[in-house]
PDB file of N, CA and C in Angstrom:
ATOM      1  N   MET A   1      79.270  93.163 104.884  1.00  0.00           N
ATOM      2  CA  MET A   1      79.967  92.797 103.662  1.00  0.00           C
ATOM      3  C   MET A   1      81.171  91.919 103.996  1.00  0.00           C
ATOM      4  N   ALA A   2      81.506  91.100 103.028  1.00  0.00           N
ATOM      5  CA  ALA A   2      82.644  90.208 103.213  1.00  0.00           C
ATOM      6  C   ALA A   2      83.417  90.112 101.907  1.00  0.00           C
ATOM      7  N   VAL A   3      84.697  89.877 102.036  1.00  0.00           N
ATOM      8  CA  VAL A   3      85.537  89.618 100.873  1.00  0.00           C
ATOM      9  C   VAL A   3      85.383  88.142 100.545  1.00  0.00           C
ATOM     10  N   LYS A   4      85.163  87.850  99.291  1.00  0.00           N
ATOM     11  CA  LYS A   4      84.962  86.470  98.827  1.00  0.00           C
ATOM     12  C   LYS A   4      86.284  85.893  98.336  1.00  0.00           C
ATOM     13  N   TYR A   5      86.401  84.569  98.437  1.00  0.00           N
ATOM     14  CA  TYR A   5      87.576  83.904  97.898  1.00  0.00           C
ATOM     15  C   TYR A   5      87.158  82.667  97.112  1.00  0.00           C
ATOM     16  N   VAL A   6      88.036  82.256  96.224  1.00  0.00           N
ATOM     17  CA  VAL A   6      87.878  81.017  95.476  1.00  0.00           C
ATOM     18  C   VAL A   6      89.134  80.191  95.700  1.00  0.00           C
ATOM     19  N   THR A   7      89.057  78.899  95.368  1.00  0.00           N
ATOM     20  CA  THR A   7      90.220  78.033  95.535  1.00  0.00           C
ATOM     21  C   THR A   7      90.811  77.688  94.176  1.00  0.00           C
ATOM     22  N   VAL A   8      92.130  77.648  94.126  1.00  0.00           N
ATOM     23  CA  VAL A   8      92.858  77.312  92.902  1.00  0.00           C
ATOM     24  C   VAL A   8      94.013  76.378  93.258  1.00  0.00           C
ATOM     25  N   THR A   9      94.450  75.615  92.273  1.00  0.00           N
ATOM     26  CA  THR A   9      95.628  74.773  92.495  1.00  0.00           C
ATOM     27  C   THR A   9      96.833  75.442  91.867  1.00  0.00           C
ATOM     28  N   LYS A  10      97.948  75.287  92.544  1.00  0.00           N
ATOM     29  CA  LYS A  10      99.206  75.843  92.037  1.00  0.00           C
ATOM     30  C   LYS A  10     100.312  74.839  92.281  1.00  0.00           C
ATOM     31  N   GLY A  11     101.225  74.788  91.314  1.00  0.00           N
ATOM     32  CA  GLY A  11     102.404  73.946  91.463  1.00  0.00           C
ATOM     33  C   GLY A  11     103.563  74.763  92.002  1.00  0.00           C
ATOM     34  N   ASN A  12     104.563  74.075  92.485  1.00  0.00           N
ATOM     35  CA  ASN A  12     105.772  74.723  92.972  1.00  0.00           C
ATOM     36  C   ASN A  12     106.693  74.954  91.772  1.00  0.00           C
ATOM     37  N   PRO A  13     106.923  76.214  91.365  1.00  0.00           N
ATOM     38  CA  PRO A  13     107.766  76.462  90.179  1.00  0.00           C
ATOM     39  C   PRO A  13     109.214  76.013  90.369  1.00  0.00           C
ATOM     40  N   ARG A  14     109.641  75.840  91.608  1.00  0.00           N
ATOM     41  CA  ARG A  14     111.016  75.391  91.863  1.00  0.00           C
ATOM     42  C   ARG A  14     111.139  73.869  91.819  1.00  0.00           C
ATOM     43  N   ASP A  15     109.973  73.195  91.980  1.00  0.00           N
ATOM     44  CA  ASP A  15     109.982  71.730  91.960  1.00  0.00           C
ATOM     45  C   ASP A  15     108.721  71.254  91.251  1.00  0.00           C
ATOM     46  N   LEU A  16     108.820  71.059  89.946  1.00  0.00           N
ATOM     47  CA  LEU A  16     107.658  70.688  89.133  1.00  0.00           C
ATOM     48  C   LEU A  16     107.142  69.286  89.445  1.00  0.00           C
ATOM     49  N   GLU A  17     107.956  68.473  90.107  1.00  0.00           N
ATOM     50  CA  GLU A  17     107.540  67.115  90.476  1.00  0.00           C
ATOM     51  C   GLU A  17     106.695  67.118  91.751  1.00  0.00           C
ATOM     52  N   GLU A  18     106.792  68.155  92.532  1.00  0.00           N
ATOM     53  CA  GLU A  18     106.027  68.249  93.785  1.00  0.00           C
ATOM     54  C   GLU A  18     104.531  68.326  93.468  1.00  0.00           C
ATOM     55  N   PRO A  19     103.710  67.620  94.244  1.00  0.00           N
ATOM     56  CA  PRO A  19     102.264  67.674  93.982  1.00  0.00           C
ATOM     57  C   PRO A  19     101.722  69.098  94.117  1.00  0.00           C
ATOM     58  N   ARG A  20     100.716  69.401  93.284  1.00  0.00           N
ATOM     59  CA  ARG A  20     100.075  70.714  93.340  1.00  0.00           C
ATOM     60  C   ARG A  20      99.323  70.849  94.664  1.00  0.00           C
ATOM     61  N   LYS A  21      99.194  72.090  95.138  1.00  0.00           N
ATOM     62  CA  LYS A  21      98.472  72.361  96.380  1.00  0.00           C
ATOM     63  C   LYS A  21      97.340  73.337  96.101  1.00  0.00           C
ATOM     64  N   TRP A  22      96.365  73.338  96.995  1.00  0.00           N
ATOM     65  CA  TRP A  22      95.218  74.233  96.887  1.00  0.00           C
ATOM     66  C   TRP A  22      95.460  75.486  97.701  1.00  0.00           C
ATOM     67  N   TYR A  23      95.076  76.640  97.126  1.00  0.00           N
ATOM     68  CA  TYR A  23      95.245  77.927  97.783  1.00  0.00           C
ATOM     69  C   TYR A  23      93.962  78.750  97.644  1.00  0.00           C
ATOM     70  N   ALA A  24      93.722  79.603  98.607  1.00  0.00           N
ATOM     71  CA  ALA A  24      92.606  80.542  98.530  1.00  0.00           C
ATOM     72  C   ALA A  24      93.123  81.847  97.929  1.00  0.00           C
ATOM     73  N   ILE A  25      92.383  82.391  96.957  1.00  0.00           N
ATOM     74  CA  ILE A  25      92.719  83.698  96.393  1.00  0.00           C
ATOM     75  C   ILE A  25      91.468  84.575  96.390  1.00  0.00           C
ATOM     76  N   THR A  26      91.658  85.859  96.462  1.00  0.00           N
ATOM     77  CA  THR A  26      90.549  86.801  96.486  1.00  0.00           C
ATOM     78  C   THR A  26      89.775  86.762  95.182  1.00  0.00           C
ATOM     79  N   LYS A  27      88.458  86.740  95.299  1.00  0.00           N
ATOM     80  CA  LYS A  27      87.586  86.866  94.123  1.00  0.00           C
ATOM     81  C   LYS A  27      87.118  88.315  94.097  1.00  0.00           C
ATOM     82  N   ASN A  28      87.719  89.087  93.218  1.00  0.00           N
ATOM     83  CA  ASN A  28      87.365  90.502  93.126  1.00  0.00           C
ATOM     84  C   ASN A  28      85.939  90.661  92.637  1.00  0.00           C
ATOM     85  N   SER A  29      85.265  91.692  93.125  1.00  0.00           N
ATOM     86  CA  SER A  29      83.868  91.910  92.758  1.00  0.00           C
ATOM     87  C   SER A  29      83.714  93.076  91.797  1.00  0.00           C
ATOM     88  N   GLY A  30      84.775  93.426  91.091  1.00  0.00           N
ATOM     89  CA  GLY A  30      84.718  94.524  90.137  1.00  0.00           C
ATOM     90  C   GLY A  30      85.771  95.567  90.459  1.00  0.00           C
ATOM     91  N   THR A  31      85.664  96.695  89.782  1.00  0.00           N
ATOM     92  CA  THR A  31      86.602  97.785  90.001  1.00  0.00           C
ATOM     93  C   THR A  31      85.844  99.069  90.309  1.00  0.00           C
ATOM     94  N   VAL A  32      86.538  99.988  90.924  1.00  0.00           N
ATOM     95  CA  VAL A  32      86.001 101.320  91.195  1.00  0.00           C
ATOM     96  C   VAL A  32      86.998 102.313  90.633  1.00  0.00           C
ATOM     97  N   GLY A  33      86.547 103.177  89.745  1.00  0.00           N
ATOM     98  CA  GLY A  33      87.411 104.171  89.127  1.00  0.00           C
ATOM     99  C   GLY A  33      87.445 105.466  89.926  1.00  0.00           C
ATOM    100  N   ILE A  34      88.309 106.355  89.502  1.00  0.00           N
ATOM    101  CA  ILE A  34      88.494 107.626  90.205  1.00  0.00           C
ATOM    102  C   ILE A  34      87.224 108.475  90.174  1.00  0.00           C
ATOM    103  N   LYS A  35      86.466 108.412  89.079  1.00  0.00           N
ATOM    104  CA  LYS A  35      85.228 109.186  88.988  1.00  0.00           C
ATOM    105  C   LYS A  35      84.227 108.728  90.053  1.00  0.00           C
ATOM    106  N   THR A  36      84.117 107.429  90.240  1.00  0.00           N
ATOM    107  CA  THR A  36      83.233 106.892  91.273  1.00  0.00           C
ATOM    108  C   THR A  36      83.706 107.315  92.658  1.00  0.00           C
ATOM    109  N   MET A  37      85.033 107.272  92.874  1.00  0.00           N
ATOM    110  CA  MET A  37      85.586 107.702  94.164  1.00  0.00           C
ATOM    111  C   MET A  37      85.323 109.184  94.396  1.00  0.00           C
ATOM    112  N   ASP A  38      85.530 110.003  93.351  1.00  0.00           N
ATOM    113  CA  ASP A  38      85.252 111.444  93.455  1.00  0.00           C
ATOM    114  C   ASP A  38      83.830 111.679  93.939  1.00  0.00           C
ATOM    115  N   LYS A  39      82.886 111.017  93.293  1.00  0.00           N
ATOM    116  CA  LYS A  39      81.474 111.201  93.616  1.00  0.00           C
ATOM    117  C   LYS A  39      81.146 110.711  95.021  1.00  0.00           C
ATOM    118  N   ALA A  40      81.692 109.565  95.408  1.00  0.00           N
ATOM    119  CA  ALA A  40      81.427 109.016  96.736  1.00  0.00           C
ATOM    120  C   ALA A  40      81.990 109.921  97.831  1.00  0.00           C
ATOM    121  N   ILE A  41      83.191 110.439  97.620  1.00  0.00           N
ATOM    122  CA  ILE A  41      83.796 111.332  98.606  1.00  0.00           C
ATOM    123  C   ILE A  41      83.001 112.627  98.694  1.00  0.00           C
ATOM    124  N   ALA A  42      82.600 113.187  97.557  1.00  0.00           N
ATOM    125  CA  ALA A  42      81.810 114.418  97.550  1.00  0.00           C
ATOM    126  C   ALA A  42      80.485 114.195  98.280  1.00  0.00           C
ATOM    127  N   ARG A  43      79.823 113.088  97.985  1.00  0.00           N
ATOM    128  CA  ARG A  43      78.535 112.779  98.610  1.00  0.00           C
ATOM    129  C   ARG A  43      78.681 112.581 100.117  1.00  0.00           C
ATOM    130  N   THR A  44      79.707 111.860 100.529  1.00  0.00           N
ATOM    131  CA  THR A  44      79.912 111.538 101.936  1.00  0.00           C
ATOM    132  C   THR A  44      80.363 112.747 102.750  1.00  0.00           C
ATOM    133  N   SER A  45      81.228 113.565 102.155  1.00  0.00           N
ATOM    134  CA  SER A  45      81.812 114.692 102.895  1.00  0.00           C
ATOM    135  C   SER A  45      81.010 115.980 102.780  1.00  0.00           C
ATOM    136  N   GLY A  46      80.181 116.059 101.756  1.00  0.00           N
ATOM    137  CA  GLY A  46      79.442 117.302 101.530  1.00  0.00           C
ATOM    138  C   GLY A  46      80.238 118.343 100.755  1.00  0.00           C
ATOM    139  N   VAL A  47      81.435 117.978 100.323  1.00  0.00           N
ATOM    140  CA  VAL A  47      82.269 118.877  99.527  1.00  0.00           C
ATOM    141  C   VAL A  47      81.819 118.775  98.069  1.00  0.00           C
ATOM    142  N   ASP A  48      81.876 119.875  97.355  1.00  0.00           N
ATOM    143  CA  ASP A  48      81.482 119.919  95.951  1.00  0.00           C
ATOM    144  C   ASP A  48      82.257 118.887  95.138  1.00  0.00           C
ATOM    145  N   TYR A  49      81.566 118.230  94.181  1.00  0.00           N
ATOM    146  CA  TYR A  49      82.186 117.206  93.334  1.00  0.00           C
ATOM    147  C   TYR A  49      83.409 117.742  92.596  1.00  0.00           C
ATOM    148  N   GLY A  50      83.307 118.925  92.012  1.00  0.00           N
ATOM    149  CA  GLY A  50      84.429 119.509  91.271  1.00  0.00           C
ATOM    150  C   GLY A  50      85.639 119.727  92.156  1.00  0.00           C
ATOM    151  N   ASP A  51      85.408 120.188  93.383  1.00  0.00           N
ATOM    152  CA  ASP A  51      86.512 120.394  94.328  1.00  0.00           C
ATOM    153  C   ASP A  51      87.159 119.059  94.705  1.00  0.00           C
ATOM    154  N   THR A  52      86.318 118.057  94.947  1.00  0.00           N
ATOM    155  CA  THR A  52      86.824 116.727  95.306  1.00  0.00           C
ATOM    156  C   THR A  52      87.675 116.159  94.178  1.00  0.00           C
ATOM    157  N   LYS A  53      87.167 116.283  92.953  1.00  0.00           N
ATOM    158  CA  LYS A  53      87.891 115.784  91.774  1.00  0.00           C
ATOM    159  C   LYS A  53      89.253 116.469  91.656  1.00  0.00           C
ATOM    160  N   LEU A  54      89.277 117.779  91.833  1.00  0.00           N
ATOM    161  CA  LEU A  54      90.521 118.540  91.735  1.00  0.00           C
ATOM    162  C   LEU A  54      91.513 118.132  92.822  1.00  0.00           C
ATOM    163  N   VAL A  55      91.018 117.954  94.045  1.00  0.00           N
ATOM    164  CA  VAL A  55      91.907 117.579  95.154  1.00  0.00           C
ATOM    165  C   VAL A  55      92.526 116.203  94.903  1.00  0.00           C
ATOM    166  N   LEU A  56      91.731 115.228  94.478  1.00  0.00           N
ATOM    167  CA  LEU A  56      92.281 113.890  94.234  1.00  0.00           C
ATOM    168  C   LEU A  56      93.271 113.881  93.067  1.00  0.00           C
ATOM    169  N   LYS A  57      92.977 114.646  92.032  1.00  0.00           N
ATOM    170  CA  LYS A  57      93.898 114.751  90.896  1.00  0.00           C
ATOM    171  C   LYS A  57      95.216 115.387  91.350  1.00  0.00           C
ATOM    172  N   THR A  58      95.108 116.430  92.159  1.00  0.00           N
ATOM    173  CA  THR A  58      96.298 117.109  92.665  1.00  0.00           C
ATOM    174  C   THR A  58      97.071 116.218  93.625  1.00  0.00           C
ATOM    175  N   LEU A  59      96.353 115.458  94.459  1.00  0.00           N
ATOM    176  CA  LEU A  59      97.003 114.533  95.390  1.00  0.00           C
ATOM    177  C   LEU A  59      97.872 113.539  94.622  1.00  0.00           C
ATOM    178  N   THR A  60      97.355 112.998  93.544  1.00  0.00           N
ATOM    179  CA  THR A  60      98.114 112.052  92.729  1.00  0.00           C
ATOM    180  C   THR A  60      99.391 112.697  92.193  1.00  0.00           C
ATOM    181  N   LYS A  61      99.271 113.914  91.700  1.00  0.00           N
ATOM    182  CA  LYS A  61     100.432 114.630  91.152  1.00  0.00           C
ATOM    183  C   LYS A  61     101.472 114.900  92.235  1.00  0.00           C
ATOM    184  N   VAL A  62     101.022 115.396  93.385  1.00  0.00           N
ATOM    185  CA  VAL A  62     101.937 115.752  94.476  1.00  0.00           C
ATOM    186  C   VAL A  62     102.603 114.499  95.057  1.00  0.00           C
ATOM    187  N   LEU A  63     101.833 113.413  95.214  1.00  0.00           N
ATOM    188  CA  LEU A  63     102.431 112.156  95.685  1.00  0.00           C
ATOM    189  C   LEU A  63     103.565 111.738  94.758  1.00  0.00           C
ATOM    190  N   GLY A  64     103.321 111.789  93.452  1.00  0.00           N
ATOM    191  CA  GLY A  64     104.350 111.425  92.482  1.00  0.00           C
ATOM    192  C   GLY A  64     105.597 112.282  92.599  1.00  0.00           C
ATOM    193  N   GLU A  65     105.401 113.579  92.788  1.00  0.00           N
ATOM    194  CA  GLU A  65     106.547 114.486  92.903  1.00  0.00           C
ATOM    195  C   GLU A  65     107.390 114.153  94.132  1.00  0.00           C
ATOM    196  N   TYR A  66     106.732 113.952  95.283  1.00  0.00           N
ATOM    197  CA  TYR A  66     107.484 113.643  96.505  1.00  0.00           C
ATOM    198  C   TYR A  66     108.144 112.262  96.436  1.00  0.00           C
ATOM    199  N   LEU A  67     107.444 111.292  95.858  1.00  0.00           N
ATOM    200  CA  LEU A  67     108.048 109.965  95.717  1.00  0.00           C
ATOM    201  C   LEU A  67     109.284 110.034  94.828  1.00  0.00           C
ATOM    202  N   ALA A  68     109.215 110.821  93.752  1.00  0.00           N
ATOM    203  CA  ALA A  68     110.354 110.967  92.838  1.00  0.00           C
ATOM    204  C   ALA A  68     111.547 111.632  93.518  1.00  0.00           C
ATOM    205  N   GLU A  69     111.298 112.375  94.589  1.00  0.00           N
ATOM    206  CA  GLU A  69     112.388 112.989  95.369  1.00  0.00           C
ATOM    207  C   GLU A  69     112.941 112.033  96.421  1.00  0.00           C
ATOM    208  N   GLY A  70     112.359 110.831  96.515  1.00  0.00           N
ATOM    209  CA  GLY A  70     112.822 109.851  97.500  1.00  0.00           C
ATOM    210  C   GLY A  70     112.190 110.017  98.870  1.00  0.00           C
ATOM    211  N   LYS A  71     111.127 110.797  98.950  1.00  0.00           N
ATOM    212  CA  LYS A  71     110.451 111.016 100.231  1.00  0.00           C
ATOM    213  C   LYS A  71     109.536 109.838 100.564  1.00  0.00           C
ATOM    214  N   ILE A  72     109.337 109.589 101.865  1.00  0.00           N
ATOM    215  CA  ILE A  72     108.298 108.690 102.350  1.00  0.00           C
ATOM    216  C   ILE A  72     107.103 109.576 102.658  1.00  0.00           C
ATOM    217  N   ILE A  73     105.946 109.229 102.140  1.00  0.00           N
ATOM    218  CA  ILE A  73     104.751 110.045 102.342  1.00  0.00           C
ATOM    219  C   ILE A  73     103.871 109.361 103.367  1.00  0.00           C
ATOM    220  N   ARG A  74     103.688 109.994 104.503  1.00  0.00           N
ATOM    221  CA  ARG A  74     102.855 109.463 105.580  1.00  0.00           C
ATOM    222  C   ARG A  74     101.484 110.125 105.501  1.00  0.00           C
ATOM    223  N   MET A  75     100.464 109.297 105.317  1.00  0.00           N
ATOM    224  CA  MET A  75      99.097 109.773 105.148  1.00  0.00           C
ATOM    225  C   MET A  75      98.250 109.421 106.376  1.00  0.00           C
ATOM    226  N   GLY A  76      98.815 109.643 107.560  1.00  0.00           N
ATOM    227  CA  GLY A  76      98.082 109.402 108.801  1.00  0.00           C
ATOM    228  C   GLY A  76      97.618 107.961 108.916  1.00  0.00           C
ATOM    229  N   SER A  77      96.353 107.785 109.318  1.00  0.00           N
ATOM    230  CA  SER A  77      95.836 106.443 109.565  1.00  0.00           C
ATOM    231  C   SER A  77      95.585 105.655 108.279  1.00  0.00           C
ATOM    232  N   LEU A  78      95.670 106.322 107.115  1.00  0.00           N
ATOM    233  CA  LEU A  78      95.566 105.611 105.842  1.00  0.00           C
ATOM    234  C   LEU A  78      96.793 104.735 105.626  1.00  0.00           C
ATOM    235  N   GLY A  79      97.986 105.302 105.817  1.00  0.00           N
ATOM    236  CA  GLY A  79      99.227 104.554 105.635  1.00  0.00           C
ATOM    237  C   GLY A  79     100.299 105.409 105.007  1.00  0.00           C
ATOM    238  N   SER A  80     101.341 104.767 104.507  1.00  0.00           N
ATOM    239  CA  SER A  80     102.450 105.497 103.905  1.00  0.00           C
ATOM    240  C   SER A  80     102.829 104.885 102.564  1.00  0.00           C
ATOM    241  N   PHE A  81     103.460 105.730 101.739  1.00  0.00           N
ATOM    242  CA  PHE A  81     103.933 105.335 100.412  1.00  0.00           C
ATOM    243  C   PHE A  81     105.418 105.614 100.331  1.00  0.00           C
ATOM    244  N   GLN A  82     106.153 104.758  99.635  1.00  0.00           N
ATOM    245  CA  GLN A  82     107.553 105.028  99.353  1.00  0.00           C
ATOM    246  C   GLN A  82     107.995 104.221  98.150  1.00  0.00           C
ATOM    247  N   ILE A  83     109.130 104.618  97.577  1.00  0.00           N
ATOM    248  CA  ILE A  83     109.716 103.912  96.439  1.00  0.00           C
ATOM    249  C   ILE A  83     110.653 102.827  96.954  1.00  0.00           C
ATOM    250  N   ARG A  84     110.608 101.673  96.318  1.00  0.00           N
ATOM    251  CA  ARG A  84     111.534 100.585  96.621  1.00  0.00           C
ATOM    252  C   ARG A  84     112.190 100.183  95.310  1.00  0.00           C
ATOM    253  N   ILE A  85     113.491  99.950  95.357  1.00  0.00           N
ATOM    254  CA  ILE A  85     114.213  99.464  94.182  1.00  0.00           C
ATOM    255  C   ILE A  85     114.818  98.102  94.505  1.00  0.00           C
ATOM    256  N   LYS A  86     114.943  97.278  93.472  1.00  0.00           N
ATOM    257  CA  LYS A  86     115.561  95.960  93.625  1.00  0.00           C
ATOM    258  C   LYS A  86     116.457  95.714  92.428  1.00  0.00           C
ATOM    259  N   GLY A  87     117.505  94.945  92.661  1.00  0.00           N
ATOM    260  CA  GLY A  87     118.407  94.620  91.571  1.00  0.00           C
ATOM    261  C   GLY A  87     119.378  93.537  91.966  1.00  0.00           C
ATOM    262  N   GLY A  88     120.306  93.299  91.084  1.00  0.00           N
ATOM    263  CA  GLY A  88     121.320  92.277  91.323  1.00  0.00           C
ATOM    264  C   GLY A  88     122.416  92.781  92.247  1.00  0.00           C
ATOM    265  N   GLY A  89     123.190  91.847  92.748  1.00  0.00           N
ATOM    266  CA  GLY A  89     124.303  92.179  93.631  1.00  0.00           C
ATOM    267  C   GLY A  89     125.621  92.179  92.880  1.00  0.00           C
ATOM    268  N   ALA A  90     126.437  93.148  93.197  1.00  0.00           N
ATOM    269  CA  ALA A  90     127.761  93.260  92.569  1.00  0.00           C
ATOM    270  C   ALA A  90     128.817  92.703  93.524  1.00  0.00           C
ATOM    271  N   THR A  91     129.926  92.284  92.973  1.00  0.00           N
ATOM    272  CA  THR A  91     130.994  91.733  93.808  1.00  0.00           C
ATOM    273  C   THR A  91     131.793  92.816  94.514  1.00  0.00           C
ATOM    274  N   ASN A  92     131.750  94.056  93.983  1.00  0.00           N
ATOM    275  CA  ASN A  92     132.413  95.157  94.690  1.00  0.00           C
ATOM    276  C   ASN A  92     131.593  96.443  94.537  1.00  0.00           C
ATOM    277  N   LYS A  93     131.800  97.350  95.461  1.00  0.00           N
ATOM    278  CA  LYS A  93     131.020  98.586  95.549  1.00  0.00           C
ATOM    279  C   LYS A  93     131.142  99.447  94.295  1.00  0.00           C
ATOM    280  N   GLU A  94     132.332  99.545  93.735  1.00  0.00           N
ATOM    281  CA  GLU A  94     132.568 100.396  92.574  1.00  0.00           C
ATOM    282  C   GLU A  94     131.817  99.894  91.337  1.00  0.00           C
ATOM    283  N   GLN A  95     131.592  98.616  91.276  1.00  0.00           N
ATOM    284  CA  GLN A  95     130.931  98.001  90.137  1.00  0.00           C
ATOM    285  C   GLN A  95     129.414  98.301  90.131  1.00  0.00           C
ATOM    286  N   LEU A  96     128.848  98.531  91.304  1.00  0.00           N
ATOM    287  CA  LEU A  96     127.399  98.715  91.437  1.00  0.00           C
ATOM    288  C   LEU A  96     126.989 100.127  91.020  1.00  0.00           C
ATOM    289  N   ASP A  97     126.186 100.199  89.957  1.00  0.00           N
ATOM    290  CA  ASP A  97     125.645 101.489  89.522  1.00  0.00           C
ATOM    291  C   ASP A  97     124.164 101.306  89.178  1.00  0.00           C
ATOM    292  N   ALA A  98     123.533 102.334  88.652  1.00  0.00           N
ATOM    293  CA  ALA A  98     122.088 102.310  88.388  1.00  0.00           C
ATOM    294  C   ALA A  98     121.681 101.210  87.413  1.00  0.00           C
ATOM    295  N   SER A  99     122.605 100.739  86.565  1.00  0.00           N
ATOM    296  CA  SER A  99     122.253  99.692  85.597  1.00  0.00           C
ATOM    297  C   SER A  99     121.916  98.365  86.289  1.00  0.00           C
ATOM    298  N   TRP A 100     122.293  98.211  87.538  1.00  0.00           N
ATOM    299  CA  TRP A 100     122.015  96.990  88.288  1.00  0.00           C
ATOM    300  C   TRP A 100     120.579  96.956  88.813  1.00  0.00           C
ATOM    301  N   ILE A 101     119.925  98.090  88.818  1.00  0.00           N
ATOM    302  CA  ILE A 101     118.556  98.162  89.345  1.00  0.00           C
ATOM    303  C   ILE A 101     117.596  97.634  88.287  1.00  0.00           C
ATOM    304  N   LYS A 102     116.852  96.613  88.650  1.00  0.00           N
ATOM    305  CA  LYS A 102     115.952  95.937  87.708  1.00  0.00           C
ATOM    306  C   LYS A 102     114.482  96.296  87.944  1.00  0.00           C
ATOM    307  N   THR A 103     114.112  96.620  89.172  1.00  0.00           N
ATOM    308  CA  THR A 103     112.714  96.852  89.506  1.00  0.00           C
ATOM    309  C   THR A 103     112.561  98.116  90.344  1.00  0.00           C
ATOM    310  N   LYS A 104     111.551  98.903  89.999  1.00  0.00           N
ATOM    311  CA  LYS A 104     111.170 100.067  90.795  1.00  0.00           C
ATOM    312  C   LYS A 104     109.705  99.886  91.164  1.00  0.00           C
ATOM    313  N   GLN A 105     109.391 100.026  92.441  1.00  0.00           N
ATOM    314  CA  GLN A 105     108.021  99.819  92.906  1.00  0.00           C
ATOM    315  C   GLN A 105     107.593 100.952  93.829  1.00  0.00           C
ATOM    316  N   ILE A 106     106.294 101.212  93.842  1.00  0.00           N
ATOM    317  CA  ILE A 106     105.716 102.077  94.867  1.00  0.00           C
ATOM    318  C   ILE A 106     105.125 101.146  95.912  1.00  0.00           C
ATOM    319  N   VAL A 107     105.578 101.276  97.131  1.00  0.00           N
ATOM    320  CA  VAL A 107     105.146 100.410  98.221  1.00  0.00           C
ATOM    321  C   VAL A 107     104.169 101.175  99.104  1.00  0.00           C
ATOM    322  N   PHE A 108     103.041 100.534  99.412  1.00  0.00           N
ATOM    323  CA  PHE A 108     102.066 101.092 100.349  1.00  0.00           C
ATOM    324  C   PHE A 108     102.105 100.262 101.619  1.00  0.00           C
ATOM    325  N   ARG A 109     102.214 100.940 102.748  1.00  0.00           N
ATOM    326  CA  ARG A 109     102.159 100.273 104.056  1.00  0.00           C
ATOM    327  C   ARG A 109     100.925 100.799 104.771  1.00  0.00           C
ATOM    328  N   PRO A 110      99.984  99.924 105.094  1.00  0.00           N
ATOM    329  CA  PRO A 110      98.749 100.393 105.708  1.00  0.00           C
ATOM    330  C   PRO A 110      98.974 101.033 107.070  1.00  0.00           C
ATOM    331  N   GLY A 111      98.172 102.048 107.338  1.00  0.00           N
ATOM    332  CA  GLY A 111      98.193 102.716 108.631  1.00  0.00           C
ATOM    333  C   GLY A 111      97.167 102.105 109.572  1.00  0.00           C
ATOM    334  N   ARG A 112      96.939 102.769 110.684  1.00  0.00           N
ATOM    335  CA  ARG A 112      96.077 102.259 111.742  1.00  0.00           C
ATOM    336  C   ARG A 112      94.678 101.880 111.249  1.00  0.00           C
ATOM    337  N   ASP A 113      94.010 102.758 110.515  1.00  0.00           N
ATOM    338  CA  ASP A 113      92.651 102.469 110.053  1.00  0.00           C
ATOM    339  C   ASP A 113      92.607 101.305 109.074  1.00  0.00           C
ATOM    340  N   MET A 114      93.578 101.217 108.185  1.00  0.00           N
ATOM    341  CA  MET A 114      93.604 100.130 107.218  1.00  0.00           C
ATOM    342  C   MET A 114      93.949  98.799 107.891  1.00  0.00           C
ATOM    343  N   LYS A 115      94.817  98.834 108.894  1.00  0.00           N
ATOM    344  CA  LYS A 115      95.134  97.616 109.648  1.00  0.00           C
ATOM    345  C   LYS A 115      93.901  97.136 110.410  1.00  0.00           C
ATOM    346  N   LYS A 116      93.153  98.082 110.959  1.00  0.00           N
ATOM    347  CA  LYS A 116      91.914  97.735 111.670  1.00  0.00           C
ATOM    348  C   LYS A 116      90.922  97.093 110.708  1.00  0.00           C
ATOM    349  N   LEU A 117      90.794  97.671 109.498  1.00  0.00           N
ATOM    350  CA  LEU A 117      89.909  97.104 108.484  1.00  0.00           C
ATOM    351  C   LEU A 117      90.290  95.654 108.191  1.00  0.00           C
ATOM    352  N   LEU A 118      91.583  95.389 108.007  1.00  0.00           N
ATOM    353  CA  LEU A 118      92.045  94.031 107.722  1.00  0.00           C
ATOM    354  C   LEU A 118      91.774  93.088 108.881  1.00  0.00           C
ATOM    355  N   LYS A 119      91.982  93.569 110.089  1.00  0.00           N
ATOM    356  CA  LYS A 119      91.773  92.732 111.273  1.00  0.00           C
ATOM    357  C   LYS A 119      90.306  92.334 111.409  1.00  0.00           C
ATOM    358  N   GLU A 120      89.400  93.248 111.075  1.00  0.00           N
ATOM    359  CA  GLU A 120      87.969  93.009 111.250  1.00  0.00           C
ATOM    360  C   GLU A 120      87.300  92.436 109.998  1.00  0.00           C
ATOM    361  N   LEU A 121      88.054  92.313 108.910  1.00  0.00           N
ATOM    362  CA  LEU A 121      87.493  91.881 107.638  1.00  0.00           C
ATOM    363  C   LEU A 121      86.993  90.451 107.690  1.00  0.00           C
ATOM    364  N   VAL A 122      85.785  90.239 107.222  1.00  0.00           N
ATOM    365  CA  VAL A 122      85.200  88.903 107.136  1.00  0.00           C
ATOM    366  C   VAL A 122      85.538  88.327 105.772  1.00  0.00           C
ATOM    367  N   VAL A 123      85.986  87.080 105.748  1.00  0.00           N
ATOM    368  CA  VAL A 123      86.330  86.405 104.500  1.00  0.00           C
ATOM    369  C   VAL A 123      85.457  85.163 104.398  1.00  0.00           C
ATOM    370  N   GLU A 124      84.819  84.987 103.238  1.00  0.00           N
ATOM    371  CA  GLU A 124      83.973  83.813 103.046  1.00  0.00           C
ATOM    372  C   GLU A 124      84.127  83.277 101.632  1.00  0.00           C
ATOM    373  N   LYS A 125      83.850  81.993 101.479  1.00  0.00           N
ATOM    374  CA  LYS A 125      83.991  81.339 100.183  1.00  0.00           C
ATOM    375  C   LYS A 125      82.928  81.840  99.215  1.00  0.00           C
ATOM    376  N   ALA A 126      83.318  82.080  97.970  1.00  0.00           N
ATOM    377  CA  ALA A 126      82.392  82.561  96.944  1.00  0.00           C
ATOM    378  C   ALA A 126      81.485  81.456  96.463  1.00  0.00           C
TER     379      ALA A 126
END
């Protein structure tokens, strides 16, 4: 299997006079929902579908709870999750409060197995 890509043109938003350039972007081949993942994991592992569904649902809940506490969650060779915040800069420390935070994100950093997948991934034009 290979990940497919298509080519698109994009302009430079900082310089509209600059000529457009061509870029490769991933051509997604569809989506996979949690129900499909539940079934695939149950089939592959031999664990009952209901148990698999419950574990994944609980994993989502527990991940959210730990992330909300500011924890970094390390999932072995899968990778890690953490919260990242971004905002504007204040001229002095006392001025900076939570109102300056504009963006909250969940960041995923791939672990060993996911990095290996990326390294070995074949990419071809769609």
